[in-house]
Amino acid sequence: MKIAIFGASGATGRLLTKRCFDAGYEVTALLRHPESFPLRIAVHAVNGSVFDPAAVAQTIEGADVVLSALGAKSLKKEDVLERAVPVIVAAMQQKGVRRIIVLGSAGAKPDALDKQPAWRRWIVEHLVYNTLLKWPVASQRAQYAALSASDLDWTMAMPPMLTNSRGHGKWRIDPDALPRNASRISREDVADFMMQQINNPQWIKKAVYIAW
């Protein structure tokens, strides 16, 4: 199986890349600096930007599945997903590649906090989503909008705060809102969940919340 990965150099992207390599998949990754990518021996590297349609199309060429761990690197207004996801969607449609699994965020949909206690909803909505994470949340909502408006077979994993701790090997899933009192999950567990979706049709054309 051939996998195209965007955001491979990020913390979650590296986990996905290693899992694909360990599974015996042929991996193509779009990298701005392939020479410094620690897993470069495990991938076919395309040197370029995710904002460049030609580089994105080259990365997707011949792929069976696209994985994306793209996201903001700071709390500033970066517009990475707003700019990149439409380019990826267009290239997939052009190349006839249908399956894409992306890393999202719990803030990508307005129903994220529906199952949380009222006090926590207020804190997260007013002190986190509307202030501290205003721009990353806006980017995630743009990603969700671009995918849901497409005809692709997409799945979006929406975790709360990601940690770099060891995975538990288990998690809670909810298509409607974050599970009650959910606040975090490891990148390892999210990467494992995303990998499981490669051959799982259950969450096609859906965004799903995932947390411990």
C-alpha atoms as a PDB file:
ATOM      1  CA  MET A   1       0.000   0.000   0.000  1.00  0.00           C
ATOM      2  CA  LYS A   2       1.212   3.497  -0.837  1.00  0.00           C
ATOM      3  CA  ILE A   3       0.763   6.299   1.688  1.00  0.00           C
ATOM      4  CA  ALA A   4       1.255  10.034   1.175  1.00  0.00           C
ATOM      5  CA  ILE A   5       1.983  12.008   4.345  1.00  0.00           C
ATOM      6  CA  PHE A   6       1.731  15.728   4.957  1.00  0.00           C
ATOM      7  CA  GLY A   7       3.115  17.181   8.165  1.00  0.00           C
ATOM      8  CA  ALA A   8       5.514  14.254   8.530  1.00  0.00           C
ATOM      9  CA  SER A   9       8.154  16.348  10.300  1.00  0.00           C
ATOM     10  CA  GLY A  10       5.850  17.293  13.180  1.00  0.00           C
ATOM     11  CA  ALA A  11       5.550  15.370  16.447  1.00  0.00           C
ATOM     12  CA  THR A  12       2.498  13.357  15.389  1.00  0.00           C
ATOM     13  CA  GLY A  13       3.636  13.159  11.772  1.00  0.00           C
ATOM     14  CA  ARG A  14       6.851  11.404  12.763  1.00  0.00           C
ATOM     15  CA  LEU A  15       4.851   8.823  14.699  1.00  0.00           C
ATOM     16  CA  LEU A  16       2.630   8.204  11.676  1.00  0.00           C
ATOM     17  CA  THR A  17       5.642   7.913   9.382  1.00  0.00           C
ATOM     18  CA  LYS A  18       7.313   5.334  11.600  1.00  0.00           C
ATOM     19  CA  ARG A  19       4.100   3.328  11.926  1.00  0.00           C
ATOM     20  CA  CYS A  20       3.649   3.286   8.159  1.00  0.00           C
ATOM     21  CA  PHE A  21       7.243   2.148   7.667  1.00  0.00           C
ATOM     22  CA  ASP A  22       6.882  -0.551  10.331  1.00  0.00           C
ATOM     23  CA  ALA A  23       3.694  -1.759   8.624  1.00  0.00           C
ATOM     24  CA  GLY A  24       5.586  -2.199   5.360  1.00  0.00           C
ATOM     25  CA  TYR A  25       3.821   0.618   3.524  1.00  0.00           C
ATOM     26  CA  GLU A  26       5.522   2.630   0.810  1.00  0.00           C
ATOM     27  CA  VAL A  27       5.600   6.200   2.099  1.00  0.00           C
ATOM     28  CA  THR A  28       5.962   9.498   0.247  1.00  0.00           C
ATOM     29  CA  ALA A  29       6.335  12.599   2.406  1.00  0.00           C
ATOM     30  CA  LEU A  30       6.322  16.253   1.418  1.00  0.00           C
ATOM     31  CA  LEU A  31       9.148  17.943   3.327  1.00  0.00           C
ATOM     32  CA  ARG A  32      10.544  21.447   3.294  1.00  0.00           C
ATOM     33  CA  HIS A  33      13.916  20.206   4.588  1.00  0.00           C
ATOM     34  CA  PRO A  34      14.225  16.502   3.736  1.00  0.00           C
ATOM     35  CA  GLU A  35      17.923  16.443   4.588  1.00  0.00           C
ATOM     36  CA  SER A  36      17.137  17.038   8.258  1.00  0.00           C
ATOM     37  CA  PHE A  37      14.159  14.676   8.509  1.00  0.00           C
ATOM     38  CA  PRO A  38      15.110  11.967  11.034  1.00  0.00           C
ATOM     39  CA  LEU A  39      13.156   9.259   9.193  1.00  0.00           C
ATOM     40  CA  ARG A  40      14.294  10.177   5.683  1.00  0.00           C
ATOM     41  CA  ILE A  41      15.589   6.647   5.103  1.00  0.00           C
ATOM     42  CA  ALA A  42      12.000   5.387   5.542  1.00  0.00           C
ATOM     43  CA  VAL A  43      10.336   7.631   2.961  1.00  0.00           C
ATOM     44  CA  HIS A  44      10.436   8.859  -0.574  1.00  0.00           C
ATOM     45  CA  ALA A  45      10.856  12.571   0.054  1.00  0.00           C
ATOM     46  CA  VAL A  46       9.363  15.288  -2.103  1.00  0.00           C
ATOM     47  CA  ASN A  47      11.099  18.595  -1.454  1.00  0.00           C
ATOM     48  CA  GLY A  48       8.618  21.447  -1.379  1.00  0.00           C
ATOM     49  CA  SER A  49       5.809  23.337   0.270  1.00  0.00           C
ATOM     50  CA  VAL A  50       2.296  22.158   1.080  1.00  0.00           C
ATOM     51  CA  PHE A  51       1.086  25.415  -0.456  1.00  0.00           C
ATOM     52  CA  ASP A  52       2.563  24.465  -3.852  1.00  0.00           C
ATOM     53  CA  PRO A  53      -0.004  22.542  -5.961  1.00  0.00           C
ATOM     54  CA  ALA A  54       2.718  20.885  -8.051  1.00  0.00           C
ATOM     55  CA  ALA A  55       4.594  19.558  -5.000  1.00  0.00           C
ATOM     56  CA  VAL A  56       1.365  18.371  -3.383  1.00  0.00           C
ATOM     57  CA  ALA A  57       0.280  16.601  -6.570  1.00  0.00           C
ATOM     58  CA  GLN A  58       3.680  14.913  -6.844  1.00  0.00           C
ATOM     59  CA  THR A  59       3.377  13.679  -3.272  1.00  0.00           C
ATOM     60  CA  ILE A  60      -0.105  12.262  -3.837  1.00  0.00           C
ATOM     61  CA  GLU A  61       0.681  10.621  -7.193  1.00  0.00           C
ATOM     62  CA  GLY A  62      -0.055   6.892  -6.969  1.00  0.00           C
ATOM     63  CA  ALA A  63      -1.106   6.963  -3.302  1.00  0.00           C
ATOM     64  CA  ASP A  64      -3.836   4.723  -1.911  1.00  0.00           C
ATOM     65  CA  VAL A  65      -4.289   6.792   1.256  1.00  0.00           C
ATOM     66  CA  VAL A  66      -3.328  10.291   2.355  1.00  0.00           C
ATOM     67  CA  LEU A  67      -2.426  11.044   5.984  1.00  0.00           C
ATOM     68  CA  SER A  68      -2.142  14.592   7.265  1.00  0.00           C
ATOM     69  CA  ALA A  69      -0.794  15.807  10.592  1.00  0.00           C
ATOM     70  CA  LEU A  70      -0.621  19.420   9.492  1.00  0.00           C
ATOM     71  CA  GLY A  71      -1.454  22.132  11.979  1.00  0.00           C
ATOM     72  CA  ALA A  72      -0.394  25.412  13.497  1.00  0.00           C
ATOM     73  CA  LYS A  73       3.058  25.591  15.074  1.00  0.00           C
ATOM     74  CA  SER A  74       2.191  28.564  17.259  1.00  0.00           C
ATOM     75  CA  LEU A  75      -0.799  30.444  18.643  1.00  0.00           C
ATOM     76  CA  LYS A  76      -0.448  33.125  15.988  1.00  0.00           C
ATOM     77  CA  LYS A  77      -2.545  33.506  12.850  1.00  0.00           C
ATOM     78  CA  GLU A  78      -0.715  31.183  10.467  1.00  0.00           C
ATOM     79  CA  ASP A  79      -3.488  30.056   8.079  1.00  0.00           C
ATOM     80  CA  VAL A  80      -1.658  26.780   7.388  1.00  0.00           C
ATOM     81  CA  LEU A  81      -4.774  24.618   7.179  1.00  0.00           C
ATOM     82  CA  GLU A  82      -6.846  27.307   5.483  1.00  0.00           C
ATOM     83  CA  ARG A  83      -4.309  27.402   2.660  1.00  0.00           C
ATOM     84  CA  ALA A  84      -3.054  23.817   2.550  1.00  0.00           C
ATOM     85  CA  VAL A  85      -6.152  21.652   2.864  1.00  0.00           C
ATOM     86  CA  PRO A  86      -7.896  23.005  -0.269  1.00  0.00           C
ATOM     87  CA  VAL A  87      -4.679  22.350  -2.214  1.00  0.00           C
ATOM     88  CA  ILE A  88      -4.549  18.753  -0.939  1.00  0.00           C
ATOM     89  CA  VAL A  89      -8.247  18.189  -1.669  1.00  0.00           C
ATOM     90  CA  ALA A  90      -7.878  19.535  -5.211  1.00  0.00           C
ATOM     91  CA  ALA A  91      -4.804  17.375  -5.880  1.00  0.00           C
ATOM     92  CA  MET A  92      -6.558  14.258  -4.588  1.00  0.00           C
ATOM     93  CA  GLN A  93      -9.536  14.915  -6.822  1.00  0.00           C
ATOM     94  CA  GLN A  94      -7.233  15.494  -9.777  1.00  0.00           C
ATOM     95  CA  LYS A  95      -5.264  12.299  -9.121  1.00  0.00           C
ATOM     96  CA  GLY A  96      -8.292  10.141  -8.290  1.00  0.00           C
ATOM     97  CA  VAL A  97      -7.185   9.455  -4.700  1.00  0.00           C
ATOM     98  CA  ARG A  98     -10.177   9.288  -2.362  1.00  0.00           C
ATOM     99  CA  ARG A  99      -9.090   8.311   1.165  1.00  0.00           C
ATOM    100  CA  ILE A 100      -7.669  10.910   3.547  1.00  0.00           C
ATOM    101  CA  ILE A 101      -7.245  10.702   7.320  1.00  0.00           C
ATOM    102  CA  VAL A 102      -6.325  13.915   9.114  1.00  0.00           C
ATOM    103  CA  LEU A 103      -5.331  15.099  12.545  1.00  0.00           C
ATOM    104  CA  GLY A 104      -7.810  17.684  13.723  1.00  0.00           C
ATOM    105  CA  SER A 105      -8.649  19.204  17.087  1.00  0.00           C
ATOM    106  CA  ALA A 106     -11.577  19.101  19.491  1.00  0.00           C
ATOM    107  CA  GLY A 107     -12.244  22.755  18.737  1.00  0.00           C
ATOM    108  CA  ALA A 108     -12.982  22.029  15.089  1.00  0.00           C
ATOM    109  CA  LYS A 109     -16.719  21.700  15.709  1.00  0.00           C
ATOM    110  CA  PRO A 110     -19.026  23.776  17.927  1.00  0.00           C
ATOM    111  CA  ASP A 111     -20.507  20.715  19.664  1.00  0.00           C
ATOM    112  CA  ALA A 112     -17.172  19.667  21.172  1.00  0.00           C
ATOM    113  CA  LEU A 113     -18.086  20.588  24.749  1.00  0.00           C
ATOM    114  CA  ASP A 114     -21.723  19.494  24.802  1.00  0.00           C
ATOM    115  CA  LYS A 115     -21.038  16.630  27.234  1.00  0.00           C
ATOM    116  CA  GLN A 116     -18.819  18.618  29.608  1.00  0.00           C
ATOM    117  CA  PRO A 117     -19.927  20.188  32.903  1.00  0.00           C
ATOM    118  CA  ALA A 118     -21.250  23.726  32.505  1.00  0.00           C
ATOM    119  CA  TRP A 119     -18.314  25.306  34.365  1.00  0.00           C
ATOM    120  CA  ARG A 120     -15.794  23.572  32.100  1.00  0.00           C
ATOM    121  CA  ARG A 121     -17.683  24.552  28.957  1.00  0.00           C
ATOM    122  CA  TRP A 122     -17.552  28.194  30.034  1.00  0.00           C
ATOM    123  CA  ILE A 123     -13.836  28.109  30.800  1.00  0.00           C
ATOM    124  CA  VAL A 124     -12.846  26.353  27.593  1.00  0.00           C
ATOM    125  CA  GLU A 125     -15.102  28.390  25.315  1.00  0.00           C
ATOM    126  CA  HIS A 126     -14.337  31.816  26.795  1.00  0.00           C
ATOM    127  CA  LEU A 127     -10.788  31.473  28.081  1.00  0.00           C
ATOM    128  CA  VAL A 128      -9.345  28.963  25.622  1.00  0.00           C
ATOM    129  CA  TYR A 129     -11.168  28.716  22.294  1.00  0.00           C
ATOM    130  CA  ASN A 130     -12.070  32.408  22.037  1.00  0.00           C
ATOM    131  CA  THR A 131      -8.755  33.796  23.294  1.00  0.00           C
ATOM    132  CA  LEU A 132      -5.652  31.628  23.714  1.00  0.00           C
ATOM    133  CA  LEU A 133      -6.428  29.185  20.890  1.00  0.00           C
ATOM    134  CA  LYS A 134      -8.483  31.542  18.746  1.00  0.00           C
ATOM    135  CA  TRP A 135      -6.411  31.174  15.588  1.00  0.00           C
ATOM    136  CA  PRO A 136      -5.563  27.442  15.805  1.00  0.00           C
ATOM    137  CA  VAL A 137      -9.269  26.718  16.399  1.00  0.00           C
ATOM    138  CA  ALA A 138     -10.224  28.841  13.385  1.00  0.00           C
ATOM    139  CA  SER A 139      -7.770  26.849  11.265  1.00  0.00           C
ATOM    140  CA  GLN A 140      -9.197  23.541  12.432  1.00  0.00           C
ATOM    141  CA  ARG A 141     -12.709  24.695  11.633  1.00  0.00           C
ATOM    142  CA  ALA A 142     -11.531  25.662   8.161  1.00  0.00           C
ATOM    143  CA  GLN A 143     -10.032  22.196   7.714  1.00  0.00           C
ATOM    144  CA  TYR A 144     -13.290  20.544   8.753  1.00  0.00           C
ATOM    145  CA  ALA A 145     -15.267  22.776   6.391  1.00  0.00           C
ATOM    146  CA  ALA A 146     -12.992  21.989   3.432  1.00  0.00           C
ATOM    147  CA  LEU A 147     -13.128  18.238   4.003  1.00  0.00           C
ATOM    148  CA  SER A 148     -16.856  18.021   4.679  1.00  0.00           C
ATOM    149  CA  ALA A 149     -17.593  20.032   1.531  1.00  0.00           C
ATOM    150  CA  SER A 150     -15.509  17.644  -0.595  1.00  0.00           C
ATOM    151  CA  ASP A 151     -16.494  14.330  -2.156  1.00  0.00           C
ATOM    152  CA  LEU A 152     -13.492  12.569  -0.598  1.00  0.00           C
ATOM    153  CA  ASP A 153     -13.607   9.637   1.822  1.00  0.00           C
ATOM    154  CA  TRP A 154     -12.256  11.648   4.727  1.00  0.00           C
ATOM    155  CA  THR A 155     -11.903  10.987   8.443  1.00  0.00           C
ATOM    156  CA  MET A 156     -10.892  13.632  10.967  1.00  0.00           C
ATOM    157  CA  ALA A 157      -9.597  12.662  14.419  1.00  0.00           C
ATOM    158  CA  MET A 158     -10.389  15.398  16.943  1.00  0.00           C
ATOM    159  CA  PRO A 159      -8.416  15.095  20.195  1.00  0.00           C
ATOM    160  CA  PRO A 160      -8.278  17.595  23.067  1.00  0.00           C
ATOM    161  CA  MET A 161      -4.800  18.514  24.372  1.00  0.00           C
ATOM    162  CA  LEU A 162      -2.098  16.258  22.943  1.00  0.00           C
ATOM    163  CA  THR A 163       0.689  14.967  25.163  1.00  0.00           C
ATOM    164  CA  ASN A 164       4.042  13.391  24.356  1.00  0.00           C
ATOM    165  CA  SER A 165       3.590  10.695  27.005  1.00  0.00           C
ATOM    166  CA  ARG A 166       3.390   6.977  26.296  1.00  0.00           C
ATOM    167  CA  GLY A 167       0.165   5.761  24.769  1.00  0.00           C
ATOM    168  CA  HIS A 168      -2.333   3.769  26.801  1.00  0.00           C
ATOM    169  CA  GLY A 169      -3.318   1.570  23.887  1.00  0.00           C
ATOM    170  CA  LYS A 170      -6.965   2.428  24.519  1.00  0.00           C
ATOM    171  CA  TRP A 171      -9.139   5.502  24.258  1.00  0.00           C
ATOM    172  CA  ARG A 172     -12.708   6.778  24.194  1.00  0.00           C
ATOM    173  CA  ILE A 173     -14.414   7.608  20.896  1.00  0.00           C
ATOM    174  CA  ASP A 174     -17.496   9.769  20.401  1.00  0.00           C
ATOM    175  CA  PRO A 175     -18.832  11.135  17.087  1.00  0.00           C
ATOM    176  CA  ASP A 176     -21.017  13.738  18.799  1.00  0.00           C
ATOM    177  CA  ALA A 177     -18.839  15.509  21.392  1.00  0.00           C
ATOM    178  CA  LEU A 178     -15.787  15.056  23.580  1.00  0.00           C
ATOM    179  CA  PRO A 179     -16.395  12.260  26.090  1.00  0.00           C
ATOM    180  CA  ARG A 180     -17.304  13.582  29.529  1.00  0.00           C
ATOM    181  CA  ASN A 181     -14.344  14.983  31.489  1.00  0.00           C
ATOM    182  CA  ALA A 182     -11.996  14.304  28.576  1.00  0.00           C
ATOM    183  CA  SER A 183      -9.042  16.678  28.582  1.00  0.00           C
ATOM    184  CA  ARG A 184      -6.064  14.992  26.947  1.00  0.00           C
ATOM    185  CA  ILE A 185      -4.617  12.050  25.034  1.00  0.00           C
ATOM    186  CA  SER A 186      -1.143  11.056  23.865  1.00  0.00           C
ATOM    187  CA  ARG A 187       0.039  11.585  20.318  1.00  0.00           C
ATOM    188  CA  GLU A 188       0.938   7.887  20.232  1.00  0.00           C
ATOM    189  CA  ASP A 189      -2.671   6.846  20.783  1.00  0.00           C
ATOM    190  CA  VAL A 190      -3.981   9.327  18.228  1.00  0.00           C
ATOM    191  CA  ALA A 191      -1.428   8.084  15.689  1.00  0.00           C
ATOM    192  CA  ASP A 192      -2.505   4.500  16.380  1.00  0.00           C
ATOM    193  CA  PHE A 193      -6.161   5.435  15.887  1.00  0.00           C
ATOM    194  CA  MET A 194      -5.380   7.198  12.602  1.00  0.00           C
ATOM    195  CA  MET A 195      -3.449   4.165  11.373  1.00  0.00           C
ATOM    196  CA  GLN A 196      -6.400   1.911  12.188  1.00  0.00           C
ATOM    197  CA  GLN A 197      -8.600   4.005   9.921  1.00  0.00           C
ATOM    198  CA  ILE A 198      -6.578   3.101   6.827  1.00  0.00           C
ATOM    199  CA  ASN A 199      -8.564  -0.120   6.492  1.00  0.00           C
ATOM    200  CA  ASN A 200     -11.621   0.842   8.526  1.00  0.00           C
ATOM    201  CA  PRO A 201     -14.690   2.338   6.781  1.00  0.00           C
ATOM    202  CA  GLN A 202     -16.560   3.091  10.031  1.00  0.00           C
ATOM    203  CA  TRP A 203     -15.656   6.762  10.240  1.00  0.00           C
ATOM    204  CA  ILE A 204     -15.578   7.684   6.540  1.00  0.00           C
ATOM    205  CA  LYS A 205     -16.969  11.174   5.935  1.00  0.00           C
ATOM    206  CA  LYS A 206     -17.020  11.774   9.684  1.00  0.00           C
ATOM    207  CA  ALA A 207     -15.150  13.729  12.309  1.00  0.00           C
ATOM    208  CA  VAL A 208     -14.710  11.815  15.546  1.00  0.00           C
ATOM    209  CA  TYR A 209     -13.634  12.928  19.002  1.00  0.00           C
ATOM    210  CA  ILE A 210     -10.924  10.840  20.648  1.00  0.00           C
ATOM    211  CA  ALA A 211      -9.635  11.146  24.215  1.00  0.00           C
ATOM    212  CA  TRP A 212      -8.618   9.171  27.279  1.00  0.00           C
END
